[in-house]
Each structure stands twice: as C-alpha cells, then as structure tokens.
C-alpha cells in the first residue's frame, strides 16, 4: 500500500514547513503566475486547490491553462516525493515592493506522519545539523528548482525549514547549480 497523507489527515498541516523558497527577482505578476502554473503542471503534483479544509477529491482545481492568475496567494495540493510518498503541500506567492517570491512548502506534520525520524523537528533537533531525513527532500526540491530555472530564470532558491528566512539556508540553487554549504 502506498504511503500518503491527505488534506484532512490529523496533524498534516502542523509544525511549519520544509520549503523551496524561490527569489523570482523583479516584481512581475506574469512571472509569478507562470511559475505557479509551471509548479502545479509537474507530474508529481495534484492540484492546486483553493482550500486545505476539504478533501482534494471534493474540489476542483483553481488554475488551468486558461487561468489569468486569479488565485496566486496560497494554493494547496498533493505531491509525490521520492522515498516519502504522497504528501500535502502548498505554494504561496509573496509580493514584496520590489520583488516576488514563490514558496513551495511541505508541512513538517505531514513529513512526521510518514517518517518517525522527523519527530518534533525543529524542537528536538541540533540547530547546527541538517536532519538526515531531509536529504531526499532537499535533492527533490533542488531538482524542481533546476528544472524551473531552465524555463523561468530566477536569482536563487533556498531549501530548508522556513527557507524564506534568508540568510539561514545553506542548501540552495542558483545559476551555478545545487549547493550544500557547510555551516
């Protein structure tokens, strides 16, 4: 039986998120919309949906090829992540005065349901060590970012727990590739 977490699995949306935070650069609704559509068009994703408060199968997708980007702020879905299984996820577009960011997040609660090693992360973890369970997620998120960069160039994509908190991520993708810097 395949391992999975659904929108309504108790605890699935708890605990912050392991994120891919993409700095899209100069503020552009067109680029933000294209990035969101590109993410959700990948084969491993099911979505996006407008809410995580009802089952995915009871909703209709909110972005199609004909969408004009009406629903960009926060969208929900499911994603098949290698070595984990099917997990809940979300995308959020942050529009700052001079730049746009896309966050793809997988909740820590969902990860913990499928892998006991996640435990009470980040509260029971050494802040100087990246958790072993995160390596396959980092690798998968880096592959997504590298694929995205071929279609929609961006400055940098940080990967990790609350990766949008700039300056904290030692795992990232930029024009030079995938980096795992030592702390």
Protein backbone atom coordinates (compact mmCIF):
# COMPACT_ATOMS: atom_id res chain seq x y z
CA UNK A 1 0.00 0.00 0.00
CA UNK A 2 1.34 3.42 -0.94
CA UNK A 3 2.12 5.78 1.90
CA UNK A 4 0.17 9.02 1.82
CA UNK A 5 -1.10 11.98 3.79
CA UNK A 6 -4.32 13.74 2.76
CA UNK A 7 -5.61 17.26 3.36
CA UNK A 8 -7.74 16.01 6.26
CA UNK A 9 -5.17 13.75 7.96
CA UNK A 10 -4.96 14.98 11.57
CA UNK A 11 -1.72 16.91 12.17
CA UNK A 12 -0.76 17.04 8.49
CA UNK A 13 -0.57 20.85 8.34
CA UNK A 14 1.22 21.32 11.69
CA UNK A 15 4.70 22.50 12.56
CA UNK A 16 5.96 24.90 9.90
CA UNK A 17 7.22 23.71 6.51
CA UNK A 18 10.23 22.36 4.69
CA UNK A 19 10.41 24.82 1.84
CA UNK A 20 11.73 25.67 -1.55
CA UNK A 21 11.81 29.49 -1.50
CA UNK A 22 12.41 30.92 -4.98
CA UNK A 23 13.51 34.53 -5.37
CA UNK A 24 11.85 35.38 -8.68
CA UNK A 25 13.52 38.79 -8.80
CA UNK A 26 11.86 41.94 -10.03
CA UNK A 27 8.18 42.08 -9.23
CA UNK A 28 6.16 40.68 -12.16
CA UNK A 29 2.67 39.22 -11.93
CA UNK A 30 3.29 37.49 -15.26
CA UNK A 31 6.43 35.72 -13.96
CA UNK A 32 4.75 34.81 -10.66
CA UNK A 33 1.72 33.39 -12.49
CA UNK A 34 3.93 31.44 -14.91
CA UNK A 35 5.95 30.00 -12.02
CA UNK A 36 2.86 28.88 -10.12
CA UNK A 37 1.40 27.26 -13.24
CA UNK A 38 4.70 25.55 -14.01
CA UNK A 39 4.99 24.07 -10.49
CA UNK A 40 1.44 22.71 -10.50
CA UNK A 41 1.77 21.32 -14.02
CA UNK A 42 4.53 18.88 -12.98
CA UNK A 43 3.53 15.22 -12.99
CA UNK A 44 4.25 14.67 -9.29
CA UNK A 45 1.70 17.34 -8.24
CA UNK A 46 -2.07 17.03 -7.83
CA UNK A 47 -3.64 20.46 -7.58
CA UNK A 48 -3.85 23.26 -6.96
CA UNK A 49 -6.91 23.62 -4.80
CA UNK A 50 -8.26 26.70 -3.03
CA UNK A 51 -8.51 25.20 0.47
CA UNK A 52 -6.96 22.54 2.65
CA UNK A 53 -10.14 22.32 4.75
CA UNK A 54 -11.87 19.80 2.49
CA UNK A 55 -10.64 16.70 0.66
CA UNK A 56 -8.85 17.30 -2.63
CA UNK A 57 -11.17 14.90 -4.45
CA UNK A 58 -14.15 17.07 -3.40
CA UNK A 59 -12.71 20.20 -5.03
CA UNK A 60 -11.96 21.48 -8.50
CA UNK A 61 -8.53 22.72 -9.46
CA UNK A 62 -8.27 26.51 -9.36
CA UNK A 63 -5.66 27.08 -12.06
CA UNK A 64 -5.94 25.79 -15.59
CA UNK A 65 -4.17 26.62 -18.82
CA UNK A 66 -6.73 29.41 -19.30
CA UNK A 67 -6.28 30.95 -15.85
CA UNK A 68 -5.19 34.52 -15.63
CA UNK A 69 -3.59 34.11 -12.21
CA UNK A 70 -6.60 34.93 -10.05
CA UNK A 71 -5.66 32.54 -7.25
CA UNK A 72 -1.98 33.04 -6.60
CA UNK A 73 -1.58 33.91 -2.94
CA UNK A 74 -1.86 30.43 -1.36
CA UNK A 75 -2.78 27.19 -3.07
CA UNK A 76 -2.89 23.62 -1.77
CA UNK A 77 -2.27 20.20 -3.25
CA UNK A 78 -0.63 16.83 -3.00
CA UNK A 79 2.82 15.85 -4.19
CA UNK A 80 4.63 12.54 -4.62
CA UNK A 81 8.10 12.91 -3.07
CA UNK A 82 10.66 10.13 -3.63
CA UNK A 83 11.30 8.00 -0.50
CA UNK A 84 8.39 9.64 1.37
CA UNK A 85 5.22 9.05 -0.62
CA UNK A 86 2.25 11.33 -1.23
CA UNK A 87 2.29 14.44 0.94
CA UNK A 88 0.23 17.59 1.31
CA UNK A 89 1.89 20.78 0.07
CA UNK A 90 1.21 24.41 -0.65
CA UNK A 91 2.51 27.23 -2.78
CA UNK A 92 2.47 30.83 -1.68
CA UNK A 93 3.44 33.91 -3.68
CA UNK A 94 4.81 36.80 -1.64
CA UNK A 95 4.74 40.07 -3.49
CA UNK A 96 7.18 42.49 -1.91
CA UNK A 97 7.58 46.10 -3.10
CA UNK A 98 10.46 45.30 -5.45
CA UNK A 99 10.43 41.51 -5.86
CA UNK A 100 8.32 38.36 -5.87
CA UNK A 101 8.94 35.10 -4.02
CA UNK A 102 7.39 31.69 -4.52
CA UNK A 103 7.34 29.29 -1.57
CA UNK A 104 6.65 25.60 -2.10
CA UNK A 105 6.12 24.10 1.34
CA UNK A 106 5.67 20.60 2.71
CA UNK A 107 4.42 20.73 6.30
CA UNK A 108 6.62 19.16 8.98
CA UNK A 109 3.49 17.47 10.36
CA UNK A 110 2.93 15.59 7.10
CA UNK A 111 6.59 14.55 6.92
CA UNK A 112 6.44 13.29 10.51
CA UNK A 113 3.39 11.16 9.77
CA UNK A 114 5.35 9.26 7.11
CA UNK A 115 8.81 9.24 8.74
CA UNK A 116 9.29 8.77 12.50
CA UNK A 117 12.76 10.36 12.29
CA UNK A 118 11.14 13.78 11.79
CA UNK A 119 9.86 13.60 15.37
CA UNK A 120 9.29 17.03 16.91
CA UNK A 121 11.51 18.87 14.45
CA UNK A 122 12.75 21.58 14.90
CA UNK A 123 12.31 21.48 18.68
CA UNK A 124 14.22 18.24 19.32
CA UNK A 125 16.96 18.84 16.70
CA UNK A 126 20.51 20.15 16.84
CA UNK A 127 20.26 23.58 15.18
CA UNK A 128 23.73 23.14 13.64
CA UNK A 129 22.91 19.88 11.85
CA UNK A 130 20.58 19.36 8.93
CA UNK A 131 18.39 16.34 9.65
CA UNK A 132 19.22 13.13 7.78
CA UNK A 133 15.59 12.62 6.77
CA UNK A 134 15.68 15.94 4.87
CA UNK A 135 18.33 14.94 2.31
CA UNK A 136 15.92 13.26 -0.16
CA UNK A 137 13.55 16.24 0.11
CA UNK A 138 16.44 18.67 -0.47
CA UNK A 139 17.54 16.69 -3.52
CA UNK A 140 14.00 16.57 -4.93
CA UNK A 141 13.40 20.29 -4.29
CA UNK A 142 16.76 21.13 -5.89
CA UNK A 143 15.79 19.10 -8.98
CA UNK A 144 12.49 21.02 -9.18
CA UNK A 145 14.39 24.33 -8.88
CA UNK A 146 16.95 23.37 -11.53
CA UNK A 147 14.14 22.37 -13.91
CA UNK A 148 12.34 25.65 -13.17
CA UNK A 149 15.49 27.69 -13.85
CA UNK A 150 15.60 26.29 -17.40
CA UNK A 151 12.13 27.72 -18.07
CA UNK A 152 11.86 30.74 -15.76
CA UNK A 153 15.21 32.19 -14.68
CA UNK A 154 15.45 33.25 -11.02
CA UNK A 155 18.12 34.63 -8.68
CA UNK A 156 18.29 31.95 -6.01
CA UNK A 157 16.17 29.26 -4.39
CA UNK A 158 16.72 28.41 -0.73
CA UNK A 159 15.82 24.97 0.59
CA UNK A 160 15.12 24.00 4.18
CA UNK A 161 12.99 24.68 7.24
CA UNK A 162 11.27 28.02 6.71
CA UNK A 163 13.70 28.68 3.83
CA UNK A 164 12.16 32.04 3.04
CA UNK A 165 14.02 33.31 6.11
CA UNK A 166 17.01 34.50 4.09
CA UNK A 167 20.47 34.07 5.46
CA UNK A 168 19.68 30.81 7.23
CA UNK A 169 19.70 28.34 4.37
CA UNK A 170 22.93 26.55 3.49
CA UNK A 171 21.16 24.49 0.84
CA UNK A 172 20.32 26.44 -2.28
CA UNK A 173 20.14 26.55 -6.07
CA UNK A 174 21.42 29.41 -8.21
CA UNK A 175 22.76 29.89 -11.74
CA UNK A 176 25.82 27.82 -10.77
CA UNK A 177 23.77 24.79 -9.66
CA UNK A 178 22.86 22.97 -6.43
CA UNK A 179 24.89 23.87 -3.32
CA UNK A 180 25.14 22.24 0.10
CA UNK A 181 27.45 24.54 2.05
CA UNK A 182 28.85 23.53 5.42
CA UNK A 183 27.68 25.68 8.33
